[in-house]
């Protein structure tokens, strides 16, 4: 049953950790929270009080941010993404919140935003790009709703370059990690390496997603539906695991690695073990972001899986089928994820040596200098 909209009220529905959906209500003009449900005494009293308050932040960027935060577009994002967006929007409200909407029509306002990007980007380039991306999302939503004519940040250029194509886990790295890793860490390693999925999707993977021969999931970031054929090694691990709850990866007491407010716990345990086994230095937490980027991360296993799939002779469509990339982005897979490993080089030379198409090149040999040998025995091969 579709519930009718309540005049002057925005309704936001959120799915809780236990799977139930809860509705939250806000006074549209002021953003004030309305407790309880429509019709409750507390709800009606809060509504009356909110109507007495002059609407705040009307006609400025803060109003656009408030509309976006109450939108279905924002509601559909993952809880961790919502938290990060709210963090950055709090900073953006301080800087640009009072900027009138009409100022967004000026061609010079884009330069104001880009100056801010450069200011933050001198020390934190990725943070600067992310803040502008979030603000651009706010403006795009406002443009779709007709609040502004155009998004002044459409197509802005990012200043951070975070290519980790060469950051792959080698066989030695994996062996060092697995040697003394707790069972829960070993399971996470194998699952990541044999599926090529992201951290956030793996910790939410349910036993019901495992169908014996396949694992099927909907990626949280891309919303792509992926069905992965389970390798024999992965099947052996899954078949031998105790099913201590609905999720495949759990802590030793059976609890999942995430809650509605925190999905970093596995990452913390993972980092601690990487320090213990020598893959990260002592004092890693105190390093700068640039120095931390020099060391392996959990999500580098995604690129490692792509590399291994390619080394095994798979083409781009097969890799896409496992990792969940669209075919439209296939031309970028090698550049973004596939490090140039010795195994690939060896496979290429073996193919070069054994292909009939390259036989003429494999017969080439040096000989005495002189005009009679310019053709390198070509006449003898005719």
Protein backbone atom coordinates (compact mmCIF):
# COMPACT_ATOMS: atom_id res chain seq x y z
CA UNK A 1 0.00 0.00 0.00
CA UNK A 2 1.37 3.44 -0.97
CA UNK A 3 1.03 5.94 1.83
CA UNK A 4 -0.11 9.46 0.98
CA UNK A 5 2.37 12.27 1.40
CA UNK A 6 1.84 14.60 4.36
CA UNK A 7 1.78 18.26 3.41
CA UNK A 8 4.80 20.14 4.71
CA UNK A 9 6.55 16.95 5.89
CA UNK A 10 9.46 15.03 4.41
CA UNK A 11 9.52 11.29 5.13
CA UNK A 12 12.81 9.39 5.17
CA UNK A 13 12.74 5.59 5.42
CA UNK A 14 15.83 3.69 6.56
CA UNK A 15 16.51 -0.02 6.75
CA UNK A 16 17.85 -0.99 10.17
CA UNK A 17 20.43 -3.67 10.95
CA UNK A 18 17.70 -6.22 11.76
CA UNK A 19 16.15 -5.74 8.31
CA UNK A 20 13.13 -3.71 9.42
CA UNK A 21 12.35 -0.33 7.86
CA UNK A 22 11.75 2.71 10.04
CA UNK A 23 10.27 6.03 8.94
CA UNK A 24 11.62 9.38 10.14
CA UNK A 25 9.73 12.64 9.67
CA UNK A 26 11.04 16.20 9.19
CA UNK A 27 9.33 19.56 8.86
CA UNK A 28 10.02 20.51 5.25
CA UNK A 29 10.55 24.27 5.64
CA UNK A 30 12.74 24.20 8.75
CA UNK A 31 14.26 20.72 8.72
CA UNK A 32 13.08 20.13 12.32
CA UNK A 33 12.73 16.45 13.32
CA UNK A 34 9.17 15.34 14.12
CA UNK A 35 9.04 12.55 16.73
CA UNK A 36 6.74 9.55 16.61
CA UNK A 37 4.24 9.00 13.81
CA UNK A 38 1.71 11.32 12.10
CA UNK A 39 -1.24 11.70 14.41
CA UNK A 40 0.73 11.08 17.61
CA UNK A 41 0.43 13.89 20.18
CA UNK A 42 4.20 14.45 20.19
CA UNK A 43 4.24 14.61 16.38
CA UNK A 44 1.41 17.16 16.26
CA UNK A 45 2.97 19.28 18.99
CA UNK A 46 6.33 19.35 17.18
CA UNK A 47 4.57 20.23 13.93
CA UNK A 48 2.84 23.19 15.58
CA UNK A 49 6.14 24.44 17.02
CA UNK A 50 7.91 24.02 13.70
CA UNK A 51 5.26 26.08 11.94
CA UNK A 52 6.04 28.95 14.32
CA UNK A 53 9.69 28.97 13.33
CA UNK A 54 10.70 31.11 10.41
CA UNK A 55 12.13 28.85 7.70
CA UNK A 56 15.89 28.79 7.92
CA UNK A 57 18.31 28.99 5.06
CA UNK A 58 15.79 29.81 2.38
CA UNK A 59 17.20 30.62 -1.02
CA UNK A 60 20.81 29.64 -0.33
CA UNK A 61 23.15 26.66 -0.68
CA UNK A 62 22.21 25.41 2.79
CA UNK A 63 18.62 25.00 1.58
CA UNK A 64 19.82 22.92 -1.37
CA UNK A 65 21.94 20.75 0.95
CA UNK A 66 18.96 20.21 3.27
CA UNK A 67 16.75 19.18 0.33
CA UNK A 68 19.39 16.74 -0.86
CA UNK A 69 19.83 15.14 2.58
CA UNK A 70 16.06 14.54 2.77
CA UNK A 71 15.86 13.14 -0.76
CA UNK A 72 15.30 9.58 -1.90
CA UNK A 73 18.54 9.90 -3.88
CA UNK A 74 20.47 10.30 -0.63
CA UNK A 75 18.36 7.77 1.26
CA UNK A 76 19.26 5.01 -1.21
CA UNK A 77 22.99 5.37 -0.53
CA UNK A 78 24.74 2.98 1.85
CA UNK A 79 24.88 4.00 5.51
CA UNK A 80 28.67 4.40 5.37
CA UNK A 81 28.35 6.62 2.29
CA UNK A 82 25.70 8.73 4.00
CA UNK A 83 27.96 9.28 7.01
CA UNK A 84 30.83 10.38 4.79
CA UNK A 85 28.60 12.71 2.76
CA UNK A 86 27.23 14.31 5.94
CA UNK A 87 30.75 14.83 7.26
CA UNK A 88 31.84 16.68 4.13
CA UNK A 89 28.59 18.61 3.78
CA UNK A 90 29.05 19.94 7.32
CA UNK A 91 32.34 21.51 6.16
CA UNK A 92 30.73 22.79 2.97
CA UNK A 93 27.86 24.40 4.87
CA UNK A 94 30.36 26.46 6.85
CA UNK A 95 32.16 27.59 3.70
CA UNK A 96 29.33 28.04 1.18
CA UNK A 97 26.06 27.55 3.08
CA UNK A 98 25.02 31.22 3.05
CA UNK A 99 25.81 31.67 -0.65
CA UNK A 100 22.56 32.78 -2.37
CA UNK A 101 21.14 30.45 -5.00
CA UNK A 102 21.11 33.29 -7.52
CA UNK A 103 24.91 33.50 -7.19
CA UNK A 104 25.17 30.03 -8.73
CA UNK A 105 24.14 31.53 -12.07
CA UNK A 106 27.30 33.64 -12.24
CA UNK A 107 30.03 32.19 -14.49
CA UNK A 108 32.57 33.26 -11.85
CA UNK A 109 31.16 31.04 -9.10
CA UNK A 110 32.79 27.96 -10.60
CA UNK A 111 36.17 29.61 -10.04
CA UNK A 112 35.27 30.19 -6.38
CA UNK A 113 34.63 26.49 -5.91
CA UNK A 114 37.79 25.50 -7.79
CA UNK A 115 39.86 27.90 -5.65
CA UNK A 116 38.49 26.11 -2.59
CA UNK A 117 39.42 22.77 -4.16
CA UNK A 118 43.00 23.94 -4.66
CA UNK A 119 43.18 25.35 -1.13
CA UNK A 120 42.20 22.04 0.44
CA UNK A 121 44.03 20.04 -2.21
CA UNK A 122 47.48 21.33 -1.35
CA UNK A 123 47.54 19.04 1.67
CA UNK A 124 44.59 16.71 1.04
CA UNK A 125 43.96 16.38 -2.72
CA UNK A 126 41.63 13.40 -2.44
CA UNK A 127 39.54 15.09 0.26
CA UNK A 128 39.31 18.22 -1.89
CA UNK A 129 38.02 16.23 -4.86
CA UNK A 130 35.55 14.32 -2.72
CA UNK A 131 34.10 17.50 -1.22
CA UNK A 132 33.50 18.98 -4.65
CA UNK A 133 31.99 15.68 -5.83
CA UNK A 134 29.48 15.75 -2.98
CA UNK A 135 28.65 19.40 -3.60
CA UNK A 136 28.24 18.62 -7.29
CA UNK A 137 25.78 15.86 -6.35
CA UNK A 138 23.76 18.42 -4.36
CA UNK A 139 23.70 20.81 -7.33
CA UNK A 140 22.78 18.03 -9.79
CA UNK A 141 19.83 17.06 -7.61
CA UNK A 142 18.76 20.70 -7.31
CA UNK A 143 18.96 21.12 -11.10
CA UNK A 144 16.82 18.01 -11.66
CA UNK A 145 14.24 19.39 -9.25
CA UNK A 146 14.24 22.78 -10.95
CA UNK A 147 15.70 24.67 -7.98
CA UNK A 148 18.66 25.89 -10.06
CA UNK A 149 19.21 26.11 -13.80
CA UNK A 150 22.50 24.21 -14.10
CA UNK A 151 25.08 22.47 -11.95
CA UNK A 152 28.03 24.92 -11.77
CA UNK A 153 30.40 22.05 -10.91
CA UNK A 154 29.42 19.73 -13.77
CA UNK A 155 32.51 18.05 -15.22
CA UNK A 156 35.02 19.60 -12.83
CA UNK A 157 38.54 18.17 -13.03
CA UNK A 158 39.87 16.12 -10.14
CA UNK A 159 43.36 16.90 -8.88
CA UNK A 160 44.03 13.62 -7.07
CA UNK A 161 45.52 10.71 -8.95
CA UNK A 162 45.35 7.43 -7.07
CA UNK A 163 46.41 4.82 -9.59
CA UNK A 164 47.21 1.62 -7.68
CA UNK A 165 47.51 -0.61 -10.75
CA UNK A 166 50.92 -1.88 -9.63
CA UNK A 167 49.83 -2.46 -6.02
CA UNK A 168 49.08 -6.16 -6.15
CA UNK A 169 49.57 -8.91 -3.61
CA UNK A 170 52.35 -11.26 -4.74
CA UNK A 171 52.45 -14.94 -3.84
CA UNK A 172 55.06 -14.12 -1.18
CA UNK A 173 52.88 -11.38 0.31
CA UNK A 174 49.90 -13.72 0.53
CA UNK A 175 52.01 -16.51 2.03
CA UNK A 176 53.41 -14.15 4.67
CA UNK A 177 49.93 -12.97 5.60
CA UNK A 178 48.39 -16.45 5.74
CA UNK A 179 51.22 -18.07 7.73
CA UNK A 180 49.97 -17.03 11.17
CA UNK A 181 46.71 -15.22 10.38
CA UNK A 182 43.65 -15.92 12.55
CA UNK A 183 41.12 -18.18 10.83
CA UNK A 184 38.73 -15.28 10.21
CA UNK A 185 41.48 -13.35 8.36
CA UNK A 186 42.40 -16.39 6.27
CA UNK A 187 38.77 -16.83 5.23
CA UNK A 188 38.54 -13.18 4.22
CA UNK A 189 41.74 -13.46 2.17
CA UNK A 190 40.55 -16.52 0.24
CA UNK A 191 37.08 -15.10 -0.38
CA UNK A 192 38.52 -11.80 -1.67
CA UNK A 193 41.13 -13.45 -3.87
CA UNK A 194 38.68 -15.89 -5.48
CA UNK A 195 35.85 -13.40 -6.09
CA UNK A 196 37.56 -10.06 -6.78
CA UNK A 197 34.89 -8.19 -4.79
CA UNK A 198 35.20 -5.08 -2.62
CA UNK A 199 35.60 -5.08 1.14
CA UNK A 200 32.13 -3.66 1.79
CA UNK A 201 30.44 -6.33 -0.33
CA UNK A 202 32.43 -9.21 1.15
CA UNK A 203 31.61 -8.45 4.79
CA UNK A 204 27.90 -8.33 3.84
CA UNK A 205 27.94 -11.52 1.78
CA UNK A 206 25.28 -13.94 3.07
CA UNK A 207 25.20 -17.70 3.04
CA UNK A 208 22.01 -17.39 1.03
CA UNK A 209 24.14 -15.77 -1.74
CA UNK A 210 26.14 -19.02 -2.01
CA UNK A 211 24.33 -21.50 -4.24
CA UNK A 212 26.85 -24.36 -4.17
CA UNK A 213 28.44 -23.65 -7.54
CA UNK A 214 27.93 -19.88 -7.69
CA UNK A 215 27.90 -16.78 -5.53
CA UNK A 216 25.42 -14.11 -6.55
CA UNK A 217 25.45 -10.60 -5.16
CA UNK A 218 24.46 -7.03 -5.93
CA UNK A 219 27.44 -4.73 -5.59
CA UNK A 220 26.75 -1.90 -3.20
CA UNK A 221 28.82 0.69 -5.07
CA UNK A 222 27.77 0.04 -8.66
CA UNK A 223 24.44 -1.76 -8.02
CA UNK A 224 25.62 -4.30 -10.59
CA UNK A 225 24.33 -7.87 -10.20
CA UNK A 226 27.26 -10.31 -10.31
CA UNK A 227 27.21 -14.10 -10.44
CA UNK A 228 30.58 -15.72 -9.76
CA UNK A 229 31.36 -19.36 -10.42
CA UNK A 230 32.93 -20.74 -7.25
CA UNK A 231 36.42 -22.17 -7.67
CA UNK A 232 37.24 -25.56 -6.19
CA UNK A 233 39.50 -24.01 -3.56
CA UNK A 234 36.80 -21.55 -2.49
CA UNK A 235 34.16 -24.28 -2.46
CA UNK A 236 36.32 -26.41 -0.16
CA UNK A 237 36.66 -23.52 2.27
CA UNK A 238 32.96 -22.61 2.23
CA UNK A 239 31.83 -26.23 2.60
CA UNK A 240 34.11 -26.67 5.60
CA UNK A 241 33.05 -23.50 7.45
CA UNK A 242 30.70 -23.39 10.41
CA UNK A 243 27.63 -21.36 9.51
CA UNK A 244 27.40 -19.24 12.65
CA UNK A 245 24.90 -16.74 11.32
CA UNK A 246 23.47 -15.30 8.10
CA UNK A 247 26.82 -13.84 6.97
CA UNK A 248 29.75 -15.82 5.55
CA UNK A 249 32.48 -13.71 7.14
CA UNK A 250 32.03 -13.34 10.89
CA UNK A 251 34.11 -12.72 13.98
CA UNK A 252 35.17 -15.69 16.09
CA UNK A 253 32.02 -15.29 18.21
CA UNK A 254 29.72 -15.38 15.16
CA UNK A 255 28.91 -11.66 15.04
CA UNK A 256 29.09 -9.95 11.63
CA UNK A 257 31.98 -7.63 10.89
CA UNK A 258 29.70 -4.63 10.49
CA UNK A 259 26.94 -2.73 12.23
CA UNK A 260 24.74 0.06 10.94
CA UNK A 261 27.21 2.61 12.28
CA UNK A 262 30.55 0.85 11.77
CA UNK A 263 31.94 -1.39 9.04
CA UNK A 264 35.66 -0.84 9.75
CA UNK A 265 36.29 -3.56 12.35
CA UNK A 266 37.59 -6.21 9.94
CA UNK A 267 39.83 -3.55 8.39
CA UNK A 268 41.32 -2.74 11.82
CA UNK A 269 42.01 -6.40 12.58
CA UNK A 270 43.42 -6.85 9.08
CA UNK A 271 45.79 -3.90 9.51
CA UNK A 272 46.97 -5.17 12.90
CA UNK A 273 47.89 -8.54 11.40
CA UNK A 274 49.65 -6.91 8.44
CA UNK A 275 51.88 -5.12 10.94
CA UNK A 276 52.44 -8.35 12.87
CA UNK A 277 53.47 -10.29 9.75
CA UNK A 278 55.73 -7.50 8.43
CA UNK A 279 53.64 -6.24 5.50
CA UNK A 280 53.17 -2.88 7.21
CA UNK A 281 55.62 -1.03 9.48
CA UNK A 282 55.15 -0.33 13.16
CA UNK A 283 53.53 3.07 13.56
CA UNK A 284 51.58 2.68 10.32
CA UNK A 285 48.59 4.54 11.79
CA UNK A 286 50.72 7.65 12.28
CA UNK A 287 51.98 7.77 8.69
CA UNK A 288 50.74 10.39 6.23
CA UNK A 289 48.19 9.35 3.63
CA UNK A 290 50.88 9.46 0.97
CA UNK A 291 53.13 7.11 2.96
CA UNK A 292 50.25 4.77 3.77
CA UNK A 293 49.48 4.54 0.05
CA UNK A 294 52.89 2.90 -0.47
CA UNK A 295 51.70 -0.22 1.36
CA UNK A 296 49.22 -2.93 0.39
CA UNK A 297 45.55 -2.58 1.26
CA UNK A 298 42.69 -5.06 1.52
CA UNK A 299 41.03 -3.73 -1.63
CA UNK A 300 44.25 -4.29 -3.59
CA UNK A 301 43.15 -7.93 -3.57
CA UNK A 302 40.51 -6.88 -6.10
CA UNK A 303 43.20 -5.80 -8.54
CA UNK A 304 45.21 -8.91 -7.69
CA UNK A 305 42.25 -11.10 -8.61
CA UNK A 306 41.96 -9.32 -11.95
CA UNK A 307 45.67 -9.84 -12.58
CA UNK A 308 45.41 -13.55 -11.79
CA UNK A 309 42.37 -13.92 -14.02
CA UNK A 310 44.31 -12.36 -16.89
CA UNK A 311 47.38 -14.49 -16.21
CA UNK A 312 45.11 -17.54 -16.42
CA UNK A 313 44.24 -16.54 -19.98
CA UNK A 314 40.90 -14.85 -19.48
CA UNK A 315 39.84 -12.01 -21.73
CA UNK A 316 38.17 -8.77 -20.74
CA UNK A 317 34.56 -10.08 -20.96
CA UNK A 318 35.39 -12.98 -18.63
CA UNK A 319 37.11 -10.65 -16.16
CA UNK A 320 34.10 -8.31 -16.24
CA UNK A 321 31.79 -11.21 -15.49
CA UNK A 322 33.68 -11.93 -12.27
CA UNK A 323 34.54 -8.44 -11.02
CA UNK A 324 31.28 -6.76 -12.03
CA UNK A 325 32.69 -4.11 -14.34
CA UNK A 326 30.52 -3.08 -17.27
CA UNK A 327 31.70 -3.90 -20.75
CA UNK A 328 31.77 -0.17 -21.48
CA UNK A 329 34.59 0.19 -18.94
CA UNK A 330 36.44 -2.91 -20.18
CA UNK A 331 39.05 -0.90 -22.07
CA UNK A 332 40.10 0.70 -18.77
CA UNK A 333 40.47 -2.52 -16.78
CA UNK A 334 44.04 -3.22 -17.79
CA UNK A 335 45.11 0.35 -17.14
CA UNK A 336 43.40 0.59 -13.78
CA UNK A 337 43.89 -2.85 -12.28
CA UNK A 338 46.27 -4.99 -14.28
CA UNK A 339 49.90 -4.63 -13.24
CA UNK A 340 52.49 -5.80 -15.75
CA UNK A 341 53.71 -8.95 -14.01
CA UNK A 342 56.48 -11.34 -15.07
CA UNK A 343 53.89 -14.08 -15.62
CA UNK A 344 52.13 -11.98 -18.25
CA UNK A 345 55.42 -11.20 -19.96
CA UNK A 346 56.37 -14.89 -20.02
CA UNK A 347 52.99 -15.88 -21.44
CA UNK A 348 53.31 -13.25 -24.15
CA UNK A 349 56.76 -14.47 -25.23
CA UNK A 350 55.62 -18.11 -25.22
CA UNK A 351 52.77 -17.15 -27.53
CA UNK A 352 55.17 -15.14 -29.69
CA UNK A 353 57.54 -18.11 -30.03
CA UNK A 354 54.85 -20.64 -30.91
CA UNK A 355 52.55 -18.70 -33.23
CA UNK A 356 52.79 -19.44 -36.99
CA UNK A 357 52.20 -15.74 -37.60
CA UNK A 358 55.52 -14.85 -35.98
CA UNK A 359 57.58 -17.75 -37.35
CA UNK A 360 59.57 -15.44 -39.68
CA UNK A 361 60.74 -13.34 -36.71
CA UNK A 362 61.78 -16.40 -34.71
CA UNK A 363 64.03 -17.55 -37.60
CA UNK A 364 65.99 -14.31 -37.73
CA UNK A 365 69.70 -14.67 -36.89
CA UNK A 366 72.71 -12.40 -37.19
CA UNK A 367 75.23 -13.07 -39.96
CA UNK A 368 78.31 -11.60 -41.71
CA UNK A 369 77.98 -7.94 -42.63
CA UNK A 370 77.60 -7.10 -46.30
CA UNK A 371 75.15 -6.50 -49.04
CA UNK A 372 74.75 -10.22 -49.71
CA UNK A 373 73.20 -10.71 -46.27
CA UNK A 374 70.85 -7.72 -46.14
CA UNK A 375 67.84 -9.96 -46.43
CA UNK A 376 68.90 -12.18 -43.50
CA UNK A 377 68.51 -15.44 -45.39
CA UNK A 378 65.13 -14.33 -46.66
CA UNK A 379 65.87 -15.77 -50.12
CA UNK A 380 66.63 -19.17 -48.64
CA UNK A 381 63.26 -19.19 -46.92
CA UNK A 382 61.31 -18.57 -50.12
